Amino acid sequence: MKSFSTLVIISLFTFTSCAYKENPDIIIVNESSTVFENVFIHSVHSNDSTNLGSLGVGERLKGSFVNTDPNPTDGCYVVSATNANGRQIYECMGYYTNGSSLNRGFQLTIKDDTTLSKEW
């Protein structure tokens, strides 16, 4: 009975630890005092990007990264945006290897003087 319990625990651990999400989600929160126009997300090696639109003060946007790199390699996910004052944000976060993500999602919080990122 003890060996059966051990087998079940090892099996559950194996299946849950190797699970990945192909297209991780992103939540972008604007806690700054300016609006950001044309918020783009993409993988670092991809020429294709998704425009999530503008991000007003106190607003949040949601999206999913789609890796369209024809030759899957290693890299990170990118969020880029510009506000009316010319402040540019270019954040590279997370990691994918051979085109497969090691992250399930991200949250990027934009403040007046910095950006904070959280990965899961």
N, C-alpha and C. Protein backbone atom coordinates (compact mmCIF):
# COMPACT_ATOMS: atom_id res chain seq x y z
N MET A 1 0.82 -1.19 0.00
CA MET A 1 0.00 0.00 0.00
C MET A 1 0.87 1.26 0.00
N LYS A 2 1.99 1.19 0.73
CA LYS A 2 2.88 2.34 0.79
C LYS A 2 3.48 2.63 -0.58
N SER A 3 3.85 1.59 -1.32
CA SER A 3 4.43 1.80 -2.65
C SER A 3 3.39 2.36 -3.62
N PHE A 4 2.12 1.97 -3.47
CA PHE A 4 1.06 2.51 -4.32
C PHE A 4 0.87 4.00 -4.05
N SER A 5 0.87 4.39 -2.79
CA SER A 5 0.73 5.80 -2.42
C SER A 5 1.90 6.61 -2.97
N THR A 6 3.09 6.06 -2.87
CA THR A 6 4.27 6.74 -3.39
C THR A 6 4.16 6.91 -4.90
N LEU A 7 3.70 5.89 -5.60
CA LEU A 7 3.53 5.95 -7.05
C LEU A 7 2.52 7.02 -7.44
N VAL A 8 1.41 7.10 -6.72
CA VAL A 8 0.39 8.11 -7.01
C VAL A 8 0.95 9.51 -6.80
N ILE A 9 1.66 9.73 -5.72
CA ILE A 9 2.23 11.05 -5.43
C ILE A 9 3.25 11.44 -6.49
N ILE A 10 4.11 10.53 -6.87
CA ILE A 10 5.11 10.83 -7.89
C ILE A 10 4.44 11.11 -9.23
N SER A 11 3.41 10.36 -9.57
CA SER A 11 2.69 10.58 -10.83
C SER A 11 2.03 11.95 -10.86
N LEU A 12 1.36 12.31 -9.77
CA LEU A 12 0.72 13.63 -9.71
C LEU A 12 1.74 14.75 -9.81
N PHE A 13 2.84 14.61 -9.12
CA PHE A 13 3.88 15.62 -9.17
C PHE A 13 4.44 15.76 -10.59
N THR A 14 4.66 14.63 -11.25
CA THR A 14 5.21 14.65 -12.60
C THR A 14 4.27 15.36 -13.57
N PHE A 15 2.99 15.06 -13.52
CA PHE A 15 2.05 15.66 -14.46
C PHE A 15 1.81 17.14 -14.18
N THR A 16 1.79 17.54 -12.94
CA THR A 16 1.53 18.95 -12.64
C THR A 16 2.77 19.81 -12.78
N SER A 17 3.94 19.29 -12.52
CA SER A 17 5.15 20.10 -12.62
C SER A 17 5.57 20.33 -14.06
N CYS A 18 5.16 19.48 -14.97
CA CYS A 18 5.54 19.63 -16.37
C CYS A 18 4.48 20.36 -17.19
N ALA A 19 3.41 20.75 -16.56
CA ALA A 19 2.36 21.45 -17.29
C ALA A 19 2.82 22.85 -17.64
N TYR A 20 2.55 23.26 -18.86
CA TYR A 20 2.87 24.61 -19.28
C TYR A 20 1.71 25.16 -20.09
N LYS A 21 1.69 26.44 -20.22
CA LYS A 21 0.65 27.09 -21.01
C LYS A 21 1.32 27.61 -22.27
N GLU A 22 0.79 27.24 -23.41
CA GLU A 22 1.42 27.62 -24.67
C GLU A 22 1.44 29.13 -24.87
N ASN A 23 0.34 29.80 -24.56
CA ASN A 23 0.24 31.25 -24.73
C ASN A 23 -0.08 31.90 -23.38
N PRO A 24 0.94 32.35 -22.66
CA PRO A 24 0.69 32.91 -21.33
C PRO A 24 -0.11 34.21 -21.39
N ASP A 25 -0.88 34.46 -20.35
CA ASP A 25 -1.70 35.66 -20.25
C ASP A 25 -0.88 36.81 -19.69
N ILE A 26 -1.32 38.03 -20.01
CA ILE A 26 -0.68 39.24 -19.47
C ILE A 26 -1.77 40.18 -18.97
N ILE A 27 -1.54 40.75 -17.81
CA ILE A 27 -2.39 41.81 -17.26
C ILE A 27 -1.49 43.02 -17.10
N ILE A 28 -1.89 44.15 -17.68
CA ILE A 28 -1.12 45.38 -17.59
C ILE A 28 -1.96 46.40 -16.83
N VAL A 29 -1.41 46.92 -15.75
CA VAL A 29 -2.12 47.86 -14.88
C VAL A 29 -1.40 49.21 -14.93
N ASN A 30 -2.16 50.28 -15.17
CA ASN A 30 -1.58 51.62 -15.22
C ASN A 30 -1.86 52.35 -13.91
N GLU A 31 -0.85 52.43 -13.06
CA GLU A 31 -0.96 53.18 -11.81
C GLU A 31 -0.18 54.49 -11.90
N SER A 32 0.13 54.91 -13.13
CA SER A 32 0.83 56.18 -13.33
C SER A 32 -0.20 57.30 -13.53
N SER A 33 0.29 58.49 -13.77
CA SER A 33 -0.61 59.64 -13.95
C SER A 33 -0.79 60.02 -15.41
N THR A 34 -0.36 59.15 -16.35
CA THR A 34 -0.51 59.44 -17.77
C THR A 34 -1.10 58.25 -18.52
N VAL A 35 -1.66 58.55 -19.68
CA VAL A 35 -2.24 57.53 -20.56
C VAL A 35 -1.14 56.98 -21.47
N PHE A 36 -1.15 55.68 -21.70
CA PHE A 36 -0.22 55.05 -22.62
C PHE A 36 -0.98 54.62 -23.87
N GLU A 37 -0.47 55.04 -25.03
CA GLU A 37 -1.09 54.70 -26.31
C GLU A 37 -0.39 53.49 -26.91
N ASN A 38 -1.12 52.76 -27.71
CA ASN A 38 -0.56 51.65 -28.48
C ASN A 38 0.31 50.72 -27.64
N VAL A 39 -0.33 50.00 -26.76
CA VAL A 39 0.35 49.00 -25.93
C VAL A 39 0.48 47.72 -26.76
N PHE A 40 1.71 47.31 -27.03
CA PHE A 40 1.97 46.13 -27.86
C PHE A 40 2.55 45.00 -27.01
N ILE A 41 2.20 43.76 -27.36
CA ILE A 41 2.80 42.58 -26.75
C ILE A 41 3.26 41.64 -27.86
N HIS A 42 4.41 40.99 -27.65
CA HIS A 42 4.93 40.04 -28.63
C HIS A 42 6.08 39.25 -28.01
N SER A 43 6.51 38.22 -28.70
CA SER A 43 7.72 37.52 -28.26
C SER A 43 8.92 38.23 -28.87
N VAL A 44 10.05 38.15 -28.23
CA VAL A 44 11.21 38.96 -28.61
C VAL A 44 11.71 38.65 -30.02
N HIS A 45 11.54 37.44 -30.52
CA HIS A 45 12.03 37.08 -31.85
C HIS A 45 10.97 37.20 -32.93
N SER A 46 9.77 37.61 -32.58
CA SER A 46 8.67 37.67 -33.54
C SER A 46 8.50 39.07 -34.10
N ASN A 47 8.18 39.15 -35.39
CA ASN A 47 7.86 40.43 -36.01
C ASN A 47 6.38 40.76 -35.85
N ASP A 48 5.58 39.78 -35.48
CA ASP A 48 4.15 39.98 -35.29
C ASP A 48 3.89 40.41 -33.86
N SER A 49 3.14 41.50 -33.70
CA SER A 49 2.79 41.96 -32.36
C SER A 49 1.29 42.19 -32.30
N THR A 50 0.76 42.16 -31.10
CA THR A 50 -0.65 42.41 -30.85
C THR A 50 -0.79 43.77 -30.20
N ASN A 51 -1.62 44.64 -30.80
CA ASN A 51 -1.87 45.96 -30.22
C ASN A 51 -3.07 45.84 -29.30
N LEU A 52 -2.85 46.02 -28.00
CA LEU A 52 -3.93 45.95 -27.02
C LEU A 52 -4.70 47.26 -26.91
N GLY A 53 -4.24 48.30 -27.60
CA GLY A 53 -4.91 49.60 -27.57
C GLY A 53 -4.28 50.53 -26.55
N SER A 54 -5.06 51.51 -26.11
CA SER A 54 -4.53 52.47 -25.14
C SER A 54 -4.88 52.03 -23.72
N LEU A 55 -4.09 52.54 -22.79
CA LEU A 55 -4.24 52.19 -21.37
C LEU A 55 -4.36 53.48 -20.57
N GLY A 56 -5.57 53.79 -20.13
CA GLY A 56 -5.82 55.01 -19.38
C GLY A 56 -5.35 54.91 -17.94
N VAL A 57 -5.36 56.04 -17.28
CA VAL A 57 -4.95 56.11 -15.87
C VAL A 57 -5.92 55.27 -15.04
N GLY A 58 -5.37 54.36 -14.24
CA GLY A 58 -6.19 53.50 -13.39
C GLY A 58 -6.83 52.33 -14.11
N GLU A 59 -6.55 52.16 -15.39
CA GLU A 59 -7.15 51.06 -16.16
C GLU A 59 -6.22 49.86 -16.20
N ARG A 60 -6.78 48.75 -16.66
CA ARG A 60 -5.99 47.53 -16.85
C ARG A 60 -6.38 46.90 -18.18
N LEU A 61 -5.41 46.28 -18.82
CA LEU A 61 -5.62 45.56 -20.08
C LEU A 61 -5.27 44.10 -19.86
N LYS A 62 -5.94 43.24 -20.60
CA LYS A 62 -5.63 41.81 -20.57
C LYS A 62 -5.38 41.33 -21.99
N GLY A 63 -4.47 40.39 -22.12
CA GLY A 63 -4.17 39.80 -23.41
C GLY A 63 -3.43 38.49 -23.23
N SER A 64 -3.06 37.89 -24.34
CA SER A 64 -2.27 36.66 -24.32
C SER A 64 -1.13 36.78 -25.32
N PHE A 65 0.04 36.35 -24.90
CA PHE A 65 1.18 36.33 -25.80
C PHE A 65 1.02 35.17 -26.77
N VAL A 66 1.29 35.41 -28.04
CA VAL A 66 1.25 34.35 -29.04
C VAL A 66 2.63 34.32 -29.68
N ASN A 67 3.31 33.21 -29.56
CA ASN A 67 4.64 33.07 -30.14
C ASN A 67 4.50 32.62 -31.59
N THR A 68 4.73 33.54 -32.53
CA THR A 68 4.60 33.22 -33.95
C THR A 68 5.96 33.07 -34.62
N ASP A 69 7.00 32.88 -33.83
CA ASP A 69 8.33 32.70 -34.38
C ASP A 69 8.36 31.43 -35.22
N PRO A 70 8.68 31.53 -36.53
CA PRO A 70 8.67 30.34 -37.38
C PRO A 70 9.77 29.33 -37.03
N ASN A 71 10.82 29.78 -36.37
CA ASN A 71 11.91 28.91 -35.93
C ASN A 71 11.98 28.99 -34.41
N PRO A 72 11.22 28.13 -33.71
CA PRO A 72 11.16 28.24 -32.25
C PRO A 72 12.54 28.19 -31.61
N THR A 73 12.82 29.20 -30.83
CA THR A 73 14.10 29.31 -30.13
C THR A 73 13.83 29.64 -28.67
N ASP A 74 14.81 30.22 -28.02
CA ASP A 74 14.66 30.68 -26.64
C ASP A 74 14.50 32.19 -26.65
N GLY A 75 13.74 32.71 -25.71
CA GLY A 75 13.57 34.16 -25.64
C GLY A 75 12.64 34.57 -24.53
N CYS A 76 12.23 35.83 -24.58
CA CYS A 76 11.35 36.40 -23.56
C CYS A 76 10.14 37.03 -24.24
N TYR A 77 9.20 37.47 -23.42
CA TYR A 77 8.00 38.15 -23.90
C TYR A 77 8.17 39.64 -23.66
N VAL A 78 7.66 40.46 -24.61
CA VAL A 78 7.90 41.90 -24.57
C VAL A 78 6.58 42.67 -24.49
N VAL A 79 6.57 43.70 -23.64
CA VAL A 79 5.48 44.68 -23.59
C VAL A 79 6.12 46.02 -23.92
N SER A 80 5.56 46.74 -24.90
CA SER A 80 6.08 48.07 -25.23
C SER A 80 4.92 49.05 -25.36
N ALA A 81 5.17 50.29 -24.94
CA ALA A 81 4.15 51.34 -24.99
C ALA A 81 4.83 52.69 -24.88
N THR A 82 4.11 53.73 -25.31
CA THR A 82 4.60 55.11 -25.22
C THR A 82 3.48 56.00 -24.71
N ASN A 83 3.82 56.95 -23.82
CA ASN A 83 2.79 57.88 -23.36
C ASN A 83 2.94 59.22 -24.08
N ALA A 84 2.04 60.16 -23.82
CA ALA A 84 2.03 61.45 -24.50
C ALA A 84 3.28 62.28 -24.21
N ASN A 85 3.93 62.03 -23.08
CA ASN A 85 5.15 62.76 -22.72
C ASN A 85 6.39 62.16 -23.36
N GLY A 86 6.23 61.09 -24.11
CA GLY A 86 7.36 60.44 -24.77
C GLY A 86 8.03 59.35 -23.96
N ARG A 87 7.51 59.07 -22.77
CA ARG A 87 8.09 57.99 -21.97
C ARG A 87 7.80 56.66 -22.65
N GLN A 88 8.84 55.90 -22.90
CA GLN A 88 8.69 54.59 -23.54
C GLN A 88 8.90 53.49 -22.52
N ILE A 89 8.09 52.47 -22.65
CA ILE A 89 8.24 51.28 -21.82
C ILE A 89 8.58 50.13 -22.75
N TYR A 90 9.61 49.39 -22.40
CA TYR A 90 9.99 48.18 -23.12
C TYR A 90 10.42 47.19 -22.06
N GLU A 91 9.53 46.28 -21.73
CA GLU A 91 9.80 45.30 -20.67
C GLU A 91 9.88 43.90 -21.28
N CYS A 92 10.99 43.23 -21.04
CA CYS A 92 11.17 41.85 -21.47
C CYS A 92 11.01 40.99 -20.21
N MET A 93 10.07 40.05 -20.25
CA MET A 93 9.79 39.26 -19.05
C MET A 93 9.52 37.81 -19.42
N GLY A 94 9.69 36.95 -18.45
CA GLY A 94 9.41 35.53 -18.67
C GLY A 94 10.45 34.88 -19.55
N TYR A 95 10.17 33.64 -19.91
CA TYR A 95 11.11 32.87 -20.72
C TYR A 95 10.37 31.78 -21.47
N TYR A 96 10.74 31.59 -22.72
CA TYR A 96 10.28 30.42 -23.46
C TYR A 96 11.49 29.73 -24.07
N THR A 97 11.41 28.42 -24.19
CA THR A 97 12.49 27.64 -24.76
C THR A 97 11.93 26.71 -25.81
N ASN A 98 12.57 26.68 -26.95
CA ASN A 98 12.09 25.92 -28.11
C ASN A 98 10.64 26.25 -28.42
N GLY A 99 10.26 27.51 -28.21
CA GLY A 99 8.91 27.98 -28.51
C GLY A 99 7.88 27.69 -27.44
N SER A 100 8.23 26.98 -26.38
CA SER A 100 7.28 26.63 -25.32
C SER A 100 7.53 27.49 -24.08
N SER A 101 6.46 28.07 -23.56
CA SER A 101 6.57 28.97 -22.42
C SER A 101 6.85 28.23 -21.12
N LEU A 102 7.65 28.84 -20.28
CA LEU A 102 7.88 28.33 -18.94
C LEU A 102 7.02 29.07 -17.92
N ASN A 103 6.22 30.03 -18.39
CA ASN A 103 5.36 30.83 -17.52
C ASN A 103 3.91 30.66 -17.93
N ARG A 104 3.03 30.83 -16.96
CA ARG A 104 1.59 30.77 -17.24
C ARG A 104 0.99 32.15 -17.41
N GLY A 105 1.60 33.14 -16.79
CA GLY A 105 1.06 34.49 -16.91
C GLY A 105 1.97 35.53 -16.28
N PHE A 106 1.62 36.79 -16.54
CA PHE A 106 2.39 37.93 -16.07
C PHE A 106 1.46 39.05 -15.66
N GLN A 107 1.95 39.89 -14.78
CA GLN A 107 1.29 41.16 -14.50
C GLN A 107 2.36 42.24 -14.53
N LEU A 108 2.12 43.28 -15.31
CA LEU A 108 3.01 44.42 -15.40
C LEU A 108 2.27 45.62 -14.82
N THR A 109 2.83 46.24 -13.80
CA THR A 109 2.24 47.42 -13.18
C THR A 109 3.11 48.62 -13.52
N ILE A 110 2.52 49.62 -14.18
CA ILE A 110 3.24 50.82 -14.59
C ILE A 110 2.99 51.90 -13.54
N LYS A 111 4.06 52.41 -12.98
CA LYS A 111 3.98 53.51 -12.01
C LYS A 111 4.65 54.73 -12.65
N ASP A 112 4.58 55.88 -11.98
CA ASP A 112 5.16 57.10 -12.55
C ASP A 112 6.67 57.00 -12.76
N ASP A 113 7.37 56.29 -11.89
CA ASP A 113 8.82 56.26 -11.98
C ASP A 113 9.42 54.87 -12.22
N THR A 114 8.58 53.86 -12.35
CA THR A 114 9.10 52.50 -12.53
C THR A 114 8.03 51.58 -13.08
N THR A 115 8.42 50.39 -13.45
CA THR A 115 7.47 49.33 -13.80
C THR A 115 7.81 48.10 -12.97
N LEU A 116 6.78 47.41 -12.52
CA LEU A 116 6.94 46.21 -11.71
C LEU A 116 6.35 45.03 -12.46
N SER A 117 7.06 43.92 -12.48
CA SER A 117 6.52 42.74 -13.16
C SER A 117 6.44 41.58 -12.19
N LYS A 118 5.42 40.76 -12.40
CA LYS A 118 5.19 39.57 -11.59
C LYS A 118 4.94 38.42 -12.56
N GLU A 119 5.55 37.29 -12.29
CA GLU A 119 5.40 36.11 -13.15
C GLU A 119 4.83 34.96 -12.34
N TRP A 120 4.07 34.10 -13.00
CA TRP A 120 3.59 32.88 -12.37
C TRP A 120 3.49 31.79 -13.39
